[in-house]
Amino acid sequence: MNDLLVQHFPSVINVEFTASMEQNLDKVEEGKNDWVQILKEFYGPFQETLVQAKQEMKSIKRQTIPTDITCNLCQGKMVIKWGRLGEFLACEHYPECKNTQDFTRDEANAIVPVEKNEPTESGEICDKCGLPMVYRNGRFGRFLACSGYPKCKNVLAVSTGVSCPEQGCTGLLVQKVSKKGKVFYSCNRYPQCKFALWDKPLSRTCPLCESPYLVEKQSKNATLIKCPNPACTYSQKITGDETDSDGSE
């Protein structure tokens, strides 16, 4: 979303605009500027930009990324779409076919469909009863639950396998859900460690700066694998079955 705003509203999404507007508002407060005139000077060009953006700006929610996965209801192809809880698979023939399916990605970033409501093995053991923990899908996405449910109701956050980057911390980054239902990632040693981020961390070393992890971001019509180091330009674009990797965005 940030990339789209910068692309279509370059005169507004920048430091110079903010500084200039603050100066003008200070002069209004001091009685040196006419606030009506300032609003007219801003809104005229902004209105033109807004109309153009409505015509040209891509909708993240409407974008689709094709896959070679076959729909098990109508034999059409499944595409990746975005919803309130993130990415999911949907039939290309929607609304005629309303089949949807969750998915995960393996170590090679390939799509692995997950059957609805079917628990999958996690390889972890419940620390309360000793039974295997399994992955389940709930209202706010994927989570770890004891296979002994309902006798054991132990639930854990899903680990990303990425070590907490906070200096001196020995924790791991896990997937959590905010009070508003938005997925984020934070250290499992909270509240001792309060490191958190919105982008999904990946257990991969940056090939340019050797950052111990990368992050997954959505940008325009592609999924980007980027380095979290602000000084590093590593970026890998993933669109369907195509992968572009270079040292810039």
C-alpha atoms as a PDB file:
ATOM      1  CA  MET A   1       0.000   0.000   0.000  1.00  0.00           C
ATOM      2  CA  ASN A   2       2.845   2.377   0.838  1.00  0.00           C
ATOM      3  CA  ASP A   3       4.448   1.744  -2.565  1.00  0.00           C
ATOM      4  CA  LEU A   4       1.155   2.501  -4.314  1.00  0.00           C
ATOM      5  CA  LEU A   5       0.651   5.761  -2.401  1.00  0.00           C
ATOM      6  CA  VAL A   6       4.193   6.943  -3.160  1.00  0.00           C
ATOM      7  CA  GLN A   7       3.711   6.103  -6.849  1.00  0.00           C
ATOM      8  CA  HIS A   8       0.368   7.873  -7.301  1.00  0.00           C
ATOM      9  CA  PHE A   9       0.655  10.700  -4.738  1.00  0.00           C
ATOM     10  CA  PRO A  10       4.353  11.710  -4.945  1.00  0.00           C
ATOM     11  CA  SER A  11       3.639  15.370  -4.144  1.00  0.00           C
ATOM     12  CA  VAL A  12       1.862  14.461  -0.887  1.00  0.00           C
ATOM     13  CA  ILE A  13       3.763  11.418   0.416  1.00  0.00           C
ATOM     14  CA  ASN A  14       7.076  13.160   1.047  1.00  0.00           C
ATOM     15  CA  VAL A  15       8.885  15.060   3.769  1.00  0.00           C
ATOM     16  CA  GLU A  16       8.922  18.384   1.872  1.00  0.00           C
ATOM     17  CA  PHE A  17       5.125  18.503   1.665  1.00  0.00           C
ATOM     18  CA  THR A  18       4.750  17.812   5.388  1.00  0.00           C
ATOM     19  CA  ALA A  19       7.277  20.501   6.320  1.00  0.00           C
ATOM     20  CA  SER A  20       5.708  23.068   3.985  1.00  0.00           C
ATOM     21  CA  MET A  21       2.192  22.356   5.249  1.00  0.00           C
ATOM     22  CA  GLU A  22       3.302  22.687   8.878  1.00  0.00           C
ATOM     23  CA  GLN A  23       4.855  26.077   8.105  1.00  0.00           C
ATOM     24  CA  ASN A  24       1.681  27.276   6.392  1.00  0.00           C
ATOM     25  CA  LEU A  25      -0.495  26.098   9.279  1.00  0.00           C
ATOM     26  CA  ASP A  26       1.789  27.912  11.728  1.00  0.00           C
ATOM     27  CA  LYS A  27       1.282  31.108   9.709  1.00  0.00           C
ATOM     28  CA  VAL A  28      -2.479  30.548   9.782  1.00  0.00           C
ATOM     29  CA  GLU A  29      -2.325  30.257  13.564  1.00  0.00           C
ATOM     30  CA  GLU A  30      -0.315  33.496  13.675  1.00  0.00           C
ATOM     31  CA  GLY A  31      -2.866  35.245  11.451  1.00  0.00           C
ATOM     32  CA  LYS A  32      -0.365  35.717   8.585  1.00  0.00           C
ATOM     33  CA  ASN A  33      -2.005  33.308   6.083  1.00  0.00           C
ATOM     34  CA  ASP A  34      -5.578  32.779   4.869  1.00  0.00           C
ATOM     35  CA  TRP A  35      -6.527  29.162   5.652  1.00  0.00           C
ATOM     36  CA  VAL A  36      -9.138  29.077   2.867  1.00  0.00           C
ATOM     37  CA  GLN A  37      -6.546  30.042   0.268  1.00  0.00           C
ATOM     38  CA  ILE A  38      -4.112  27.397   1.571  1.00  0.00           C
ATOM     39  CA  LEU A  39      -6.780  24.702   1.267  1.00  0.00           C
ATOM     40  CA  LYS A  40      -7.642  25.831  -2.271  1.00  0.00           C
ATOM     41  CA  GLU A  41      -3.982  25.685  -3.318  1.00  0.00           C
ATOM     42  CA  PHE A  42      -3.707  22.170  -1.917  1.00  0.00           C
ATOM     43  CA  TYR A  43      -7.014  20.686  -2.955  1.00  0.00           C
ATOM     44  CA  GLY A  44      -6.976  21.780  -6.605  1.00  0.00           C
ATOM     45  CA  PRO A  45      -3.925  19.698  -7.655  1.00  0.00           C
ATOM     46  CA  PHE A  46      -4.819  16.974  -5.133  1.00  0.00           C
ATOM     47  CA  GLN A  47      -8.286  16.526  -6.667  1.00  0.00           C
ATOM     48  CA  GLU A  48      -6.756  16.019 -10.119  1.00  0.00           C
ATOM     49  CA  THR A  49      -4.290  13.464  -8.719  1.00  0.00           C
ATOM     50  CA  LEU A  50      -7.095  11.691  -6.858  1.00  0.00           C
ATOM     51  CA  VAL A  51      -9.204  11.319 -10.016  1.00  0.00           C
ATOM     52  CA  GLN A  52      -6.220   9.934 -11.920  1.00  0.00           C
ATOM     53  CA  ALA A  53      -5.379   7.505  -9.103  1.00  0.00           C
ATOM     54  CA  LYS A  54      -8.941   6.147  -9.072  1.00  0.00           C
ATOM     55  CA  GLN A  55      -8.514   5.273 -12.751  1.00  0.00           C
ATOM     56  CA  GLU A  56      -4.964   3.923 -12.693  1.00  0.00           C
ATOM     57  CA  MET A  57      -4.223   2.742  -9.145  1.00  0.00           C
ATOM     58  CA  LYS A  58      -4.227  -1.035  -8.806  1.00  0.00           C
ATOM     59  CA  SER A  59      -6.343  -2.646  -6.113  1.00  0.00           C
ATOM     60  CA  ILE A  60      -4.412  -5.081  -3.907  1.00  0.00           C
ATOM     61  CA  LYS A  61      -7.653  -6.760  -2.881  1.00  0.00           C
ATOM     62  CA  ARG A  62      -8.657  -7.348  -6.510  1.00  0.00           C
ATOM     63  CA  GLN A  63      -5.316  -8.567  -7.803  1.00  0.00           C
ATOM     64  CA  THR A  64      -4.838 -12.250  -8.563  1.00  0.00           C
ATOM     65  CA  ILE A  65      -1.699 -14.314  -9.081  1.00  0.00           C
ATOM     66  CA  PRO A  66      -2.135 -17.420 -11.276  1.00  0.00           C
ATOM     67  CA  THR A  67      -1.028 -20.877 -10.142  1.00  0.00           C
ATOM     68  CA  ASP A  68      -0.976 -24.321 -11.767  1.00  0.00           C
ATOM     69  CA  ILE A  69      -3.133 -25.820  -8.978  1.00  0.00           C
ATOM     70  CA  THR A  70      -6.403 -27.350 -10.205  1.00  0.00           C
ATOM     71  CA  CYS A  71      -9.731 -26.562  -8.527  1.00  0.00           C
ATOM     72  CA  ASN A  72     -11.156 -29.787  -7.084  1.00  0.00           C
ATOM     73  CA  LEU A  73     -14.738 -28.665  -7.789  1.00  0.00           C
ATOM     74  CA  CYS A  74     -14.761 -27.421 -11.389  1.00  0.00           C
ATOM     75  CA  GLN A  75     -11.254 -28.350 -12.660  1.00  0.00           C
ATOM     76  CA  GLY A  76     -10.418 -24.699 -13.284  1.00  0.00           C
ATOM     77  CA  LYS A  77      -7.163 -23.154 -12.077  1.00  0.00           C
ATOM     78  CA  MET A  78      -6.718 -21.713  -8.602  1.00  0.00           C
ATOM     79  CA  VAL A  79      -5.360 -18.172  -8.204  1.00  0.00           C
ATOM     80  CA  ILE A  80      -3.856 -16.397  -5.205  1.00  0.00           C
ATOM     81  CA  LYS A  81      -6.034 -13.635  -3.783  1.00  0.00           C
ATOM     82  CA  TRP A  82      -5.866 -11.370  -0.749  1.00  0.00           C
ATOM     83  CA  GLY A  83      -8.413 -11.297   2.063  1.00  0.00           C
ATOM     84  CA  ARG A  84      -8.758  -9.992   5.606  1.00  0.00           C
ATOM     85  CA  LEU A  85      -6.449 -12.729   6.903  1.00  0.00           C
ATOM     86  CA  GLY A  86      -3.906 -12.560   4.081  1.00  0.00           C
ATOM     87  CA  GLU A  87      -3.315 -14.767   1.029  1.00  0.00           C
ATOM     88  CA  PHE A  88      -5.596 -17.640   0.039  1.00  0.00           C
ATOM     89  CA  LEU A  89      -6.406 -19.757  -3.030  1.00  0.00           C
ATOM     90  CA  ALA A  90      -9.633 -19.159  -4.964  1.00  0.00           C
ATOM     91  CA  CYS A  91     -11.036 -20.593  -8.180  1.00  0.00           C
ATOM     92  CA  GLU A  92     -10.477 -18.490 -11.298  1.00  0.00           C
ATOM     93  CA  HIS A  93     -14.132 -19.061 -12.249  1.00  0.00           C
ATOM     94  CA  TYR A  94     -15.516 -17.076  -9.292  1.00  0.00           C
ATOM     95  CA  PRO A  95     -18.417 -16.258  -8.816  1.00  0.00           C
ATOM     96  CA  GLU A  96     -19.617 -19.325 -10.780  1.00  0.00           C
ATOM     97  CA  CYS A  97     -17.323 -21.450  -8.590  1.00  0.00           C
ATOM     98  CA  LYS A  98     -16.741 -20.237  -5.022  1.00  0.00           C
ATOM     99  CA  ASN A  99     -14.130 -22.806  -4.025  1.00  0.00           C
ATOM    100  CA  THR A 100     -11.397 -21.434  -1.723  1.00  0.00           C
ATOM    101  CA  GLN A 101      -8.464 -23.058   0.035  1.00  0.00           C
ATOM    102  CA  ASP A 102      -5.693 -22.086   2.434  1.00  0.00           C
ATOM    103  CA  PHE A 103      -2.078 -22.751   1.557  1.00  0.00           C
ATOM    104  CA  THR A 104       1.435 -22.613   2.956  1.00  0.00           C
ATOM    105  CA  ARG A 105       4.824 -22.314   1.277  1.00  0.00           C
ATOM    106  CA  ASP A 106       7.659 -24.830   1.580  1.00  0.00           C
ATOM    107  CA  GLU A 107      11.376 -24.036   1.890  1.00  0.00           C
ATOM    108  CA  ALA A 108      11.568 -23.433  -1.874  1.00  0.00           C
ATOM    109  CA  ASN A 109       8.607 -21.000  -1.616  1.00  0.00           C
ATOM    110  CA  ALA A 110       6.397 -23.406  -3.579  1.00  0.00           C
ATOM    111  CA  ILE A 111       2.667 -23.365  -2.791  1.00  0.00           C
ATOM    112  CA  VAL A 112       1.378 -26.228  -0.650  1.00  0.00           C
ATOM    113  CA  PRO A 113      -2.469 -26.369  -0.448  1.00  0.00           C
ATOM    114  CA  VAL A 114      -3.966 -27.108   2.975  1.00  0.00           C
ATOM    115  CA  GLU A 115      -7.214 -29.022   3.208  1.00  0.00           C
ATOM    116  CA  LYS A 116      -9.966 -27.127   4.998  1.00  0.00           C
ATOM    117  CA  ASN A 117     -10.226 -27.859   8.705  1.00  0.00           C
ATOM    118  CA  GLU A 118      -7.811 -30.776   8.341  1.00  0.00           C
ATOM    119  CA  PRO A 119      -5.031 -30.638  10.960  1.00  0.00           C
ATOM    120  CA  THR A 120      -1.490 -31.149   9.716  1.00  0.00           C
ATOM    121  CA  GLU A 121       1.498 -32.463  11.655  1.00  0.00           C
ATOM    122  CA  SER A 122       3.900 -29.912  13.087  1.00  0.00           C
ATOM    123  CA  GLY A 123       6.632 -32.114  14.547  1.00  0.00           C
ATOM    124  CA  GLU A 124       6.248 -30.420  17.948  1.00  0.00           C
ATOM    125  CA  ILE A 125       5.133 -31.971  21.213  1.00  0.00           C
ATOM    126  CA  CYS A 126       2.569 -30.526  23.614  1.00  0.00           C
ATOM    127  CA  ASP A 127       4.336 -29.273  26.739  1.00  0.00           C
ATOM    128  CA  LYS A 128       1.262 -30.023  28.865  1.00  0.00           C
ATOM    129  CA  CYS A 129       0.258 -33.588  27.960  1.00  0.00           C
ATOM    130  CA  GLY A 130       3.046 -34.910  25.713  1.00  0.00           C
ATOM    131  CA  LEU A 131       0.854 -35.526  22.632  1.00  0.00           C
ATOM    132  CA  PRO A 132       1.805 -34.214  19.157  1.00  0.00           C
ATOM    133  CA  MET A 133       0.891 -30.624  18.300  1.00  0.00           C
ATOM    134  CA  VAL A 134      -0.878 -30.049  14.969  1.00  0.00           C
ATOM    135  CA  TYR A 135      -1.532 -27.046  12.761  1.00  0.00           C
ATOM    136  CA  ARG A 136      -5.148 -25.913  12.590  1.00  0.00           C
ATOM    137  CA  ASN A 137      -6.875 -23.015  10.842  1.00  0.00           C
ATOM    138  CA  GLY A 138      -9.049 -20.665  12.831  1.00  0.00           C
ATOM    139  CA  ARG A 139     -10.783 -17.323  12.519  1.00  0.00           C
ATOM    140  CA  PHE A 140      -7.484 -15.448  12.684  1.00  0.00           C
ATOM    141  CA  GLY A 141      -5.411 -17.837  10.621  1.00  0.00           C
ATOM    142  CA  ARG A 142      -3.094 -20.751  11.358  1.00  0.00           C
ATOM    143  CA  PHE A 143      -2.200 -21.832  14.892  1.00  0.00           C
ATOM    144  CA  LEU A 144      -0.720 -24.766  16.829  1.00  0.00           C
ATOM    145  CA  ALA A 145      -3.124 -26.892  18.880  1.00  0.00           C
ATOM    146  CA  CYS A 146      -2.779 -30.108  20.856  1.00  0.00           C
ATOM    147  CA  SER A 147      -3.960 -33.218  18.994  1.00  0.00           C
ATOM    148  CA  GLY A 148      -5.554 -34.319  22.275  1.00  0.00           C
ATOM    149  CA  TYR A 149      -8.267 -31.651  22.051  1.00  0.00           C
ATOM    150  CA  PRO A 150     -10.806 -31.383  23.724  1.00  0.00           C
ATOM    151  CA  LYS A 151      -9.129 -33.145  26.677  1.00  0.00           C
ATOM    152  CA  CYS A 152      -6.079 -30.892  26.263  1.00  0.00           C
ATOM    153  CA  LYS A 153      -6.773 -27.366  25.032  1.00  0.00           C
ATOM    154  CA  ASN A 154      -3.184 -26.206  24.791  1.00  0.00           C
ATOM    155  CA  VAL A 155      -2.692 -23.649  21.985  1.00  0.00           C
ATOM    156  CA  LEU A 156       0.590 -22.103  20.846  1.00  0.00           C
ATOM    157  CA  ALA A 157       1.593 -19.393  18.394  1.00  0.00           C
ATOM    158  CA  VAL A 158       3.108 -20.639  15.126  1.00  0.00           C
ATOM    159  CA  SER A 159       6.879 -20.250  15.080  1.00  0.00           C
ATOM    160  CA  THR A 160       8.490 -18.740  11.987  1.00  0.00           C
ATOM    161  CA  GLY A 161      11.790 -20.485  12.702  1.00  0.00           C
ATOM    162  CA  VAL A 162      13.522 -17.091  12.745  1.00  0.00           C
ATOM    163  CA  SER A 163      15.622 -16.137  15.755  1.00  0.00           C
ATOM    164  CA  CYS A 164      14.734 -12.825  17.360  1.00  0.00           C
ATOM    165  CA  PRO A 165      17.094 -10.178  15.879  1.00  0.00           C
ATOM    166  CA  GLU A 166      17.068  -8.096  19.065  1.00  0.00           C
ATOM    167  CA  GLN A 167      20.627  -7.961  20.398  1.00  0.00           C
ATOM    168  CA  GLY A 168      21.162 -10.385  23.279  1.00  0.00           C
ATOM    169  CA  CYS A 169      17.741 -12.053  22.907  1.00  0.00           C
ATOM    170  CA  THR A 170      17.511 -15.850  22.616  1.00  0.00           C
ATOM    171  CA  GLY A 171      13.839 -15.982  21.595  1.00  0.00           C
ATOM    172  CA  LEU A 172      12.111 -16.917  18.346  1.00  0.00           C
ATOM    173  CA  LEU A 173       9.720 -14.868  16.213  1.00  0.00           C
ATOM    174  CA  VAL A 174       6.168 -16.271  16.264  1.00  0.00           C
ATOM    175  CA  GLN A 175       2.982 -15.395  14.422  1.00  0.00           C
ATOM    176  CA  LYS A 176       0.363 -13.566  16.462  1.00  0.00           C
ATOM    177  CA  VAL A 177      -2.902 -11.716  15.863  1.00  0.00           C
ATOM    178  CA  SER A 178      -3.700  -8.208  17.053  1.00  0.00           C
ATOM    179  CA  LYS A 179      -6.964  -7.246  18.759  1.00  0.00           C
ATOM    180  CA  LYS A 180      -8.210  -6.023  15.365  1.00  0.00           C
ATOM    181  CA  GLY A 181      -7.487  -9.385  13.723  1.00  0.00           C
ATOM    182  CA  LYS A 182      -4.317  -8.345  11.915  1.00  0.00           C
ATOM    183  CA  VAL A 183      -1.434 -10.825  11.740  1.00  0.00           C
ATOM    184  CA  PHE A 184       1.933  -9.660  13.057  1.00  0.00           C
ATOM    185  CA  TYR A 185       5.148 -11.284  14.271  1.00  0.00           C
ATOM    186  CA  SER A 186       6.848 -10.845  17.637  1.00  0.00           C
ATOM    187  CA  CYS A 187       9.341 -12.468  19.991  1.00  0.00           C
ATOM    188  CA  ASN A 188       8.043 -15.418  22.005  1.00  0.00           C
ATOM    189  CA  ARG A 189       9.807 -14.001  25.074  1.00  0.00           C
ATOM    190  CA  TYR A 190       7.370 -11.098  25.334  1.00  0.00           C
ATOM    191  CA  PRO A 191       7.106  -9.094  27.599  1.00  0.00           C
ATOM    192  CA  GLN A 192      10.818  -9.534  28.363  1.00  0.00           C
ATOM    193  CA  CYS A 193      11.511  -8.780  24.682  1.00  0.00           C
ATOM    194  CA  LYS A 194       9.159  -6.450  22.797  1.00  0.00           C
ATOM    195  CA  PHE A 195      10.558  -6.846  19.278  1.00  0.00           C
ATOM    196  CA  ALA A 196       7.731  -7.005  16.685  1.00  0.00           C
ATOM    197  CA  LEU A 197       7.131  -6.435  12.973  1.00  0.00           C
ATOM    198  CA  TRP A 198       4.231  -6.596  10.507  1.00  0.00           C
ATOM    199  CA  ASP A 199       6.092  -8.218   7.588  1.00  0.00           C
ATOM    200  CA  LYS A 200       6.450 -11.992   7.625  1.00  0.00           C
ATOM    201  CA  PRO A 201      10.044 -12.976   8.581  1.00  0.00           C
ATOM    202  CA  LEU A 202      11.748 -15.709   6.559  1.00  0.00           C
ATOM    203  CA  SER A 203      14.593 -17.926   7.732  1.00  0.00           C
ATOM    204  CA  ARG A 204      16.940 -16.948   4.920  1.00  0.00           C
ATOM    205  CA  THR A 205      20.253 -15.094   4.981  1.00  0.00           C
ATOM    206  CA  CYS A 206      20.515 -11.998   2.809  1.00  0.00           C
ATOM    207  CA  PRO A 207      23.019 -12.708   0.005  1.00  0.00           C
ATOM    208  CA  LEU A 208      24.171  -9.066  -0.043  1.00  0.00           C
ATOM    209  CA  CYS A 209      24.560  -7.941   3.570  1.00  0.00           C
ATOM    210  CA  GLU A 210      24.208 -11.319   5.352  1.00  0.00           C
ATOM    211  CA  SER A 211      21.234 -10.218   7.424  1.00  0.00           C
ATOM    212  CA  PRO A 212      20.167 -13.367   9.334  1.00  0.00           C
ATOM    213  CA  TYR A 213      16.598 -13.131   8.015  1.00  0.00           C
ATOM    214  CA  LEU A 214      14.502 -11.669   5.180  1.00  0.00           C
ATOM    215  CA  VAL A 215      10.884 -10.432   5.127  1.00  0.00           C
ATOM    216  CA  GLU A 216       7.959 -11.055   2.789  1.00  0.00           C
ATOM    217  CA  LYS A 217       6.043  -8.000   1.556  1.00  0.00           C
ATOM    218  CA  GLN A 218       3.175  -7.380  -0.858  1.00  0.00           C
ATOM    219  CA  SER A 219       3.915  -4.688  -3.437  1.00  0.00           C
ATOM    220  CA  LYS A 220       1.700  -3.817  -6.392  1.00  0.00           C
ATOM    221  CA  ASN A 221       1.019  -7.117  -8.204  1.00  0.00           C
ATOM    222  CA  ALA A 222       3.847  -9.163  -6.758  1.00  0.00           C
ATOM    223  CA  THR A 223       5.156 -10.718  -3.590  1.00  0.00           C
ATOM    224  CA  LEU A 224       8.529  -9.275  -2.628  1.00  0.00           C
ATOM    225  CA  ILE A 225      11.192 -10.989  -0.553  1.00  0.00           C
ATOM    226  CA  LYS A 226      13.290  -8.143   0.860  1.00  0.00           C
ATOM    227  CA  CYS A 227      16.114  -7.522   3.267  1.00  0.00           C
ATOM    228  CA  PRO A 228      14.959  -5.763   6.491  1.00  0.00           C
ATOM    229  CA  ASN A 229      18.236  -3.820   6.634  1.00  0.00           C
ATOM    230  CA  PRO A 230      17.381  -0.247   5.460  1.00  0.00           C
ATOM    231  CA  ALA A 231      20.884   0.137   4.028  1.00  0.00           C
ATOM    232  CA  CYS A 232      20.569  -3.026   1.885  1.00  0.00           C
ATOM    233  CA  THR A 233      18.854  -3.070  -1.528  1.00  0.00           C
ATOM    234  CA  TYR A 234      18.311  -6.828  -1.886  1.00  0.00           C
ATOM    235  CA  SER A 235      14.889  -7.663  -3.333  1.00  0.00           C
ATOM    236  CA  GLN A 236      13.390 -10.801  -4.905  1.00  0.00           C
ATOM    237  CA  LYS A 237      10.133 -10.526  -6.834  1.00  0.00           C
ATOM    238  CA  ILE A 238       7.766 -13.499  -7.016  1.00  0.00           C
ATOM    239  CA  THR A 239       4.869 -13.411  -9.490  1.00  0.00           C
ATOM    240  CA  GLY A 240       3.165 -16.769  -9.968  1.00  0.00           C
ATOM    241  CA  ASP A 241       5.821 -19.195 -11.191  1.00  0.00           C
ATOM    242  CA  GLU A 242       8.284 -16.434 -12.128  1.00  0.00           C
ATOM    243  CA  THR A 243      11.088 -15.320  -9.825  1.00  0.00           C
ATOM    244  CA  ASP A 244      13.313 -12.273 -10.378  1.00  0.00           C
ATOM    245  CA  SER A 245      16.216 -11.634  -8.043  1.00  0.00           C
ATOM    246  CA  ASP A 246      18.576  -8.705  -8.054  1.00  0.00           C
ATOM    247  CA  GLY A 247      20.214  -6.187  -5.805  1.00  0.00           C
ATOM    248  CA  SER A 248      17.590  -3.463  -6.186  1.00  0.00           C
ATOM    249  CA  GLU A 249      13.859  -2.817  -5.887  1.00  0.00           C
END
